[in-house]
C-alpha atoms as a PDB file:
ATOM      1  CA  MET A   1     -22.369  61.630 -13.675  1.00  0.00           C
ATOM      2  CA  ASN A   2     -21.202  59.865 -16.271  1.00  0.00           C
ATOM      3  CA  LYS A   3     -19.293  62.348 -19.016  1.00  0.00           C
ATOM      4  CA  ALA A   4     -18.401  62.172 -22.466  1.00  0.00           C
ATOM      5  CA  LEU A   5     -15.528  64.534 -24.586  1.00  0.00           C
ATOM      6  CA  LEU A   6     -16.403  65.779 -28.073  1.00  0.00           C
ATOM      7  CA  THR A   7     -13.458  66.866 -30.305  1.00  0.00           C
ATOM      8  CA  PHE A   8     -14.135  68.567 -33.176  1.00  0.00           C
ATOM      9  CA  SER A   9     -12.088  68.921 -36.286  1.00  0.00           C
ATOM     10  CA  ASP A  10     -10.965  72.167 -35.161  1.00  0.00           C
ATOM     11  CA  GLY A  11      -9.158  70.820 -32.355  1.00  0.00           C
ATOM     12  CA  SER A  12     -11.816  72.266 -29.827  1.00  0.00           C
ATOM     13  CA  ASN A  13     -13.527  70.163 -27.025  1.00  0.00           C
ATOM     14  CA  LEU A  14     -16.844  69.836 -25.668  1.00  0.00           C
ATOM     15  CA  ILE A  15     -17.834  68.164 -22.252  1.00  0.00           C
ATOM     16  CA  VAL A  16     -21.309  66.574 -22.075  1.00  0.00           C
ATOM     17  CA  LYS A  17     -23.012  64.709 -19.363  1.00  0.00           C
ATOM     18  CA  GLU A  18     -25.446  62.057 -19.029  1.00  0.00           C
ATOM     19  CA  GLY A  19     -29.076  63.605 -18.929  1.00  0.00           C
ATOM     20  CA  GLN A  20     -27.968  66.735 -20.617  1.00  0.00           C
ATOM     21  CA  ARG A  21     -30.413  67.971 -23.590  1.00  0.00           C
ATOM     22  CA  LEU A  22     -29.206  68.754 -26.670  1.00  0.00           C
ATOM     23  CA  ILE A  23     -31.094  70.799 -29.314  1.00  0.00           C
ATOM     24  CA  PRO A  24     -30.910  69.483 -33.259  1.00  0.00           C
ATOM     25  CA  VAL A  25     -31.317  71.997 -35.807  1.00  0.00           C
ATOM     26  CA  VAL A  26     -33.172  70.865 -38.917  1.00  0.00           C
ATOM     27  CA  SER A  27     -33.747  71.762 -42.525  1.00  0.00           C
ATOM     28  CA  TYR A  28     -36.505  71.225 -44.846  1.00  0.00           C
ATOM     29  CA  THR A  29     -37.786  72.961 -47.940  1.00  0.00           C
ATOM     30  CA  LYS A  30     -40.746  75.409 -47.915  1.00  0.00           C
ATOM     31  CA  ASP A  31     -41.629  77.842 -51.122  1.00  0.00           C
ATOM     32  CA  ASN A  32     -38.914  75.778 -53.003  1.00  0.00           C
ATOM     33  CA  HIS A  33     -35.940  77.032 -50.623  1.00  0.00           C
ATOM     34  CA  PHE A  34     -34.364  75.573 -47.380  1.00  0.00           C
ATOM     35  CA  GLU A  35     -35.744  76.632 -44.079  1.00  0.00           C
ATOM     36  CA  VAL A  36     -34.277  75.558 -40.835  1.00  0.00           C
ATOM     37  CA  SER A  37     -36.009  74.955 -37.402  1.00  0.00           C
ATOM     38  CA  LEU A  38     -35.162  73.646 -33.988  1.00  0.00           C
ATOM     39  CA  ASP A  39     -36.486  70.072 -33.478  1.00  0.00           C
ATOM     40  CA  LYS A  40     -37.085  68.706 -30.399  1.00  0.00           C
ATOM     41  CA  SER A  41     -34.496  67.993 -27.648  1.00  0.00           C
ATOM     42  CA  PHE A  42     -32.716  64.731 -27.176  1.00  0.00           C
ATOM     43  CA  GLU A  43     -31.718  63.978 -23.828  1.00  0.00           C
ATOM     44  CA  ILE A  44     -28.176  62.443 -23.880  1.00  0.00           C
ATOM     45  CA  TRP A  45     -28.388  58.519 -21.927  1.00  0.00           C
ATOM     46  CA  TYR A  46     -26.436  56.210 -20.706  1.00  0.00           C
ATOM     47  CA  HIS A  47     -25.296  52.808 -21.977  1.00  0.00           C
ATOM     48  CA  ILE A  48     -24.220  50.063 -19.007  1.00  0.00           C
ATOM     49  CA  HIS A  49     -21.112  48.925 -21.166  1.00  0.00           C
ATOM     50  CA  ASP A  50     -20.495  51.541 -23.700  1.00  0.00           C
ATOM     51  CA  GLY A  51     -21.283  54.635 -21.523  1.00  0.00           C
ATOM     52  CA  LEU A  52     -22.167  57.706 -23.288  1.00  0.00           C
ATOM     53  CA  ILE A  53     -20.915  57.122 -26.951  1.00  0.00           C
ATOM     54  CA  PRO A  54     -24.180  54.824 -28.720  1.00  0.00           C
ATOM     55  CA  GLY A  55     -26.803  57.670 -27.718  1.00  0.00           C
ATOM     56  CA  LEU A  56     -24.090  60.727 -28.786  1.00  0.00           C
ATOM     57  CA  CYS A  57     -23.899  58.445 -31.976  1.00  0.00           C
ATOM     58  CA  GLU A  58     -27.449  58.060 -32.431  1.00  0.00           C
ATOM     59  CA  PHE A  59     -27.891  61.841 -31.913  1.00  0.00           C
ATOM     60  CA  LEU A  60     -24.888  62.985 -34.074  1.00  0.00           C
ATOM     61  CA  VAL A  61     -26.046  60.835 -37.322  1.00  0.00           C
ATOM     62  CA  ASN A  62     -29.622  62.137 -37.214  1.00  0.00           C
ATOM     63  CA  SER A  63     -28.683  66.073 -37.091  1.00  0.00           C
ATOM     64  CA  SER A  64     -26.783  68.251 -38.915  1.00  0.00           C
ATOM     65  CA  PHE A  65     -26.240  71.021 -36.251  1.00  0.00           C
ATOM     66  CA  PHE A  66     -26.936  71.182 -32.705  1.00  0.00           C
ATOM     67  CA  TYR A  67     -27.346  73.659 -29.813  1.00  0.00           C
ATOM     68  CA  LEU A  68     -27.070  72.779 -25.903  1.00  0.00           C
ATOM     69  CA  PHE A  69     -29.915  73.265 -24.306  1.00  0.00           C
ATOM     70  CA  GLU A  70     -28.901  75.263 -21.823  1.00  0.00           C
ATOM     71  CA  ASP A  71     -26.547  77.392 -24.017  1.00  0.00           C
ATOM     72  CA  THR A  72     -28.105  78.662 -27.395  1.00  0.00           C
ATOM     73  CA  SER A  73     -25.026  81.205 -27.922  1.00  0.00           C
ATOM     74  CA  THR A  74     -23.277  78.487 -30.070  1.00  0.00           C
ATOM     75  CA  VAL A  75     -24.452  76.092 -32.554  1.00  0.00           C
ATOM     76  CA  TYR A  76     -22.167  73.118 -33.424  1.00  0.00           C
ATOM     77  CA  ARG A  77     -21.898  70.924 -36.782  1.00  0.00           C
ATOM     78  CA  SER A  78     -22.463  67.524 -36.091  1.00  0.00           C
ATOM     79  CA  ASP A  79     -20.244  66.022 -38.654  1.00  0.00           C
ATOM     80  CA  SER A  80     -17.476  68.129 -37.608  1.00  0.00           C
ATOM     81  CA  VAL A  81     -17.269  65.739 -34.258  1.00  0.00           C
ATOM     82  CA  ILE A  82     -14.112  63.678 -35.248  1.00  0.00           C
ATOM     83  CA  LYS A  83     -14.117  61.442 -31.850  1.00  0.00           C
ATOM     84  CA  ILE A  84     -16.076  60.853 -29.009  1.00  0.00           C
ATOM     85  CA  GLN A  85     -14.404  59.819 -25.601  1.00  0.00           C
ATOM     86  CA  ASN A  86     -16.294  58.486 -22.218  1.00  0.00           C
ATOM     87  CA  ILE A  87     -14.642  60.285 -19.336  1.00  0.00           C
END
């Protein structure tokens, strides 16, 4: 199983794997104030030459926050990811 290591600006790390699902948190305006909602899940995909990096970049640039599908006890801020490494 292909894996990647996400490093966050606070020094914490998160290992994700091919086929794992991430749930983006999206914002929208309703009645003149911001609301948040969960969007459809994203499956991490593998690129034959570049590993998981292209798929993770695609996901991270299109979401502000995200959960792991299997663990919604922690929400992650997408733009606090400072490094992605295939492992």
